[in-house]
Amino acid sequence: MASAQCNRDQFYSQAEAKSEQWVESANSRASINKVEDAIQRARESAQQKREQNSGFLHHTGEQMMHMAQDAVDGVRNTFGIRSNKNK
């Protein structure tokens, strides 16, 4: 009878240890998934910011080109020089 009791106790101990391993493994996987999700969100956010900044810089560059052209046209008008596009 003592042998059966010993086997049963050993079985319960092993089952409890295995359950703890599974819980730890599940928690570890959940943590890894959370980290992977956070990394993906950060990548998407960075890509979106790059696209926004690119659009802003492109727009600003176009504005500066127009301002420079207007300045050139103003100087030409001041000196009475006609540009090719006005001919």
C-alpha atoms as a PDB file:
ATOM      1  CA  MET A   1       0.000   0.000   0.000  1.00  0.00           C
ATOM      2  CA  ALA A   2       2.874   2.359   0.778  1.00  0.00           C
ATOM      3  CA  SER A   3       4.215   1.782  -2.723  1.00  0.00           C
ATOM      4  CA  ALA A   4       0.888   2.805  -4.275  1.00  0.00           C
ATOM      5  CA  GLN A   5       0.781   5.914  -2.086  1.00  0.00           C
ATOM      6  CA  CYS A   6       4.373   6.758  -3.122  1.00  0.00           C
ATOM      7  CA  ASN A   7       3.542   6.252  -6.819  1.00  0.00           C
ATOM      8  CA  ARG A   8       0.438   8.406  -6.505  1.00  0.00           C
ATOM      9  CA  ASP A   9       2.359  11.202  -4.763  1.00  0.00           C
ATOM     10  CA  GLN A  10       5.093  11.010  -7.363  1.00  0.00           C
ATOM     11  CA  PHE A  11       2.506  11.136 -10.168  1.00  0.00           C
ATOM     12  CA  TYR A  12       0.863  14.224  -8.632  1.00  0.00           C
ATOM     13  CA  SER A  13       4.228  15.931  -8.187  1.00  0.00           C
ATOM     14  CA  GLN A  14       5.168  15.260 -11.789  1.00  0.00           C
ATOM     15  CA  ALA A  15       1.760  16.407 -13.026  1.00  0.00           C
ATOM     16  CA  GLU A  16       2.001  19.596 -10.975  1.00  0.00           C
ATOM     17  CA  ALA A  17       5.514  20.304 -12.284  1.00  0.00           C
ATOM     18  CA  LYS A  18       4.382  19.691 -15.859  1.00  0.00           C
ATOM     19  CA  SER A  19       1.370  21.988 -15.375  1.00  0.00           C
ATOM     20  CA  GLU A  20       3.660  24.731 -14.096  1.00  0.00           C
ATOM     21  CA  GLN A  21       5.902  24.265 -17.139  1.00  0.00           C
ATOM     22  CA  TRP A  22       2.910  24.601 -19.464  1.00  0.00           C
ATOM     23  CA  VAL A  23       1.704  27.728 -17.701  1.00  0.00           C
ATOM     24  CA  GLU A  24       5.172  29.275 -17.880  1.00  0.00           C
ATOM     25  CA  SER A  25       5.450  28.310 -21.533  1.00  0.00           C
ATOM     26  CA  ALA A  26       2.037  29.799 -22.316  1.00  0.00           C
ATOM     27  CA  ASN A  27       2.924  33.013 -20.474  1.00  0.00           C
ATOM     28  CA  SER A  28       6.217  33.178 -22.330  1.00  0.00           C
ATOM     29  CA  ARG A  29       4.481  32.727 -25.694  1.00  0.00           C
ATOM     30  CA  ALA A  30       1.918  35.386 -24.787  1.00  0.00           C
ATOM     31  CA  SER A  31       4.728  37.772 -23.872  1.00  0.00           C
ATOM     32  CA  ILE A  32       6.532  37.048 -27.127  1.00  0.00           C
ATOM     33  CA  ASN A  33       3.330  37.651 -29.084  1.00  0.00           C
ATOM     34  CA  LYS A  34       2.808  40.974 -27.301  1.00  0.00           C
ATOM     35  CA  VAL A  35       6.355  42.042 -28.095  1.00  0.00           C
ATOM     36  CA  GLU A  36       5.991  40.997 -31.741  1.00  0.00           C
ATOM     37  CA  ASP A  37       2.706  42.939 -31.990  1.00  0.00           C
ATOM     38  CA  ALA A  38       4.333  46.022 -30.472  1.00  0.00           C
ATOM     39  CA  ILE A  39       7.241  45.772 -32.917  1.00  0.00           C
ATOM     40  CA  GLN A  40       4.842  45.488 -35.860  1.00  0.00           C
ATOM     41  CA  ARG A  41       2.842  48.515 -34.691  1.00  0.00           C
ATOM     42  CA  ALA A  42       6.069  50.499 -34.302  1.00  0.00           C
ATOM     43  CA  ARG A  43       7.151  49.546 -37.836  1.00  0.00           C
ATOM     44  CA  GLU A  44       3.798  50.594 -39.273  1.00  0.00           C
ATOM     45  CA  SER A  45       3.865  53.864 -37.364  1.00  0.00           C
ATOM     46  CA  ALA A  46       7.405  54.606 -38.536  1.00  0.00           C
ATOM     47  CA  GLN A  47       6.444  53.880 -42.150  1.00  0.00           C
ATOM     48  CA  GLN A  48       3.422  56.161 -41.852  1.00  0.00           C
ATOM     49  CA  LYS A  49       5.570  58.957 -40.391  1.00  0.00           C
ATOM     50  CA  ARG A  50       8.108  58.553 -43.221  1.00  0.00           C
ATOM     51  CA  GLU A  51       5.331  58.853 -45.785  1.00  0.00           C
ATOM     52  CA  GLN A  52       3.891  61.925 -44.074  1.00  0.00           C
ATOM     53  CA  ASN A  53       7.304  63.585 -43.848  1.00  0.00           C
ATOM     54  CA  SER A  54       8.072  62.744 -47.461  1.00  0.00           C
ATOM     55  CA  GLY A  55       4.821  64.358 -48.574  1.00  0.00           C
ATOM     56  CA  PHE A  56       5.493  67.427 -46.436  1.00  0.00           C
ATOM     57  CA  LEU A  57       9.014  67.844 -47.817  1.00  0.00           C
ATOM     58  CA  HIS A  58       7.805  67.365 -51.384  1.00  0.00           C
ATOM     59  CA  HIS A  59       5.075  69.972 -50.910  1.00  0.00           C
ATOM     60  CA  THR A  60       7.499  72.405 -49.261  1.00  0.00           C
ATOM     61  CA  GLY A  61      10.001  71.904 -52.088  1.00  0.00           C
ATOM     62  CA  GLU A  62       7.349  72.668 -54.682  1.00  0.00           C
ATOM     63  CA  GLN A  63       6.353  75.815 -52.798  1.00  0.00           C
ATOM     64  CA  MET A  64       9.967  76.971 -52.679  1.00  0.00           C
ATOM     65  CA  MET A  65      10.391  76.344 -56.416  1.00  0.00           C
ATOM     66  CA  HIS A  66       7.284  78.427 -57.146  1.00  0.00           C
ATOM     67  CA  MET A  67       8.515  81.204 -54.867  1.00  0.00           C
ATOM     68  CA  ALA A  68      11.908  81.192 -56.589  1.00  0.00           C
ATOM     69  CA  GLN A  69      10.266  81.292 -60.011  1.00  0.00           C
ATOM     70  CA  ASP A  70       8.059  84.168 -58.893  1.00  0.00           C
ATOM     71  CA  ALA A  71      11.179  86.001 -57.668  1.00  0.00           C
ATOM     72  CA  VAL A  72      12.918  85.419 -61.006  1.00  0.00           C
ATOM     73  CA  ASP A  73       9.827  86.645 -62.863  1.00  0.00           C
ATOM     74  CA  GLY A  74       9.721  89.718 -60.617  1.00  0.00           C
ATOM     75  CA  VAL A  75      13.353  90.556 -61.369  1.00  0.00           C
ATOM     76  CA  ARG A  76      12.774  90.030 -65.091  1.00  0.00           C
ATOM     77  CA  ASN A  77       9.739  92.305 -65.004  1.00  0.00           C
ATOM     78  CA  THR A  78      11.694  94.937 -63.107  1.00  0.00           C
ATOM     79  CA  PHE A  79      14.408  94.982 -65.769  1.00  0.00           C
ATOM     80  CA  GLY A  80      11.978  94.553 -68.653  1.00  0.00           C
ATOM     81  CA  ILE A  81      13.283  91.132 -69.644  1.00  0.00           C
ATOM     82  CA  ARG A  82      10.673  88.847 -71.135  1.00  0.00           C
ATOM     83  CA  SER A  83      10.886  85.141 -70.455  1.00  0.00           C
ATOM     84  CA  ASN A  84      10.411  82.520 -73.159  1.00  0.00           C
ATOM     85  CA  LYS A  85       7.089  81.444 -71.749  1.00  0.00           C
ATOM     86  CA  ASN A  86       5.608  84.946 -72.184  1.00  0.00           C
ATOM     87  CA  LYS A  87       6.580  85.191 -75.888  1.00  0.00           C
END
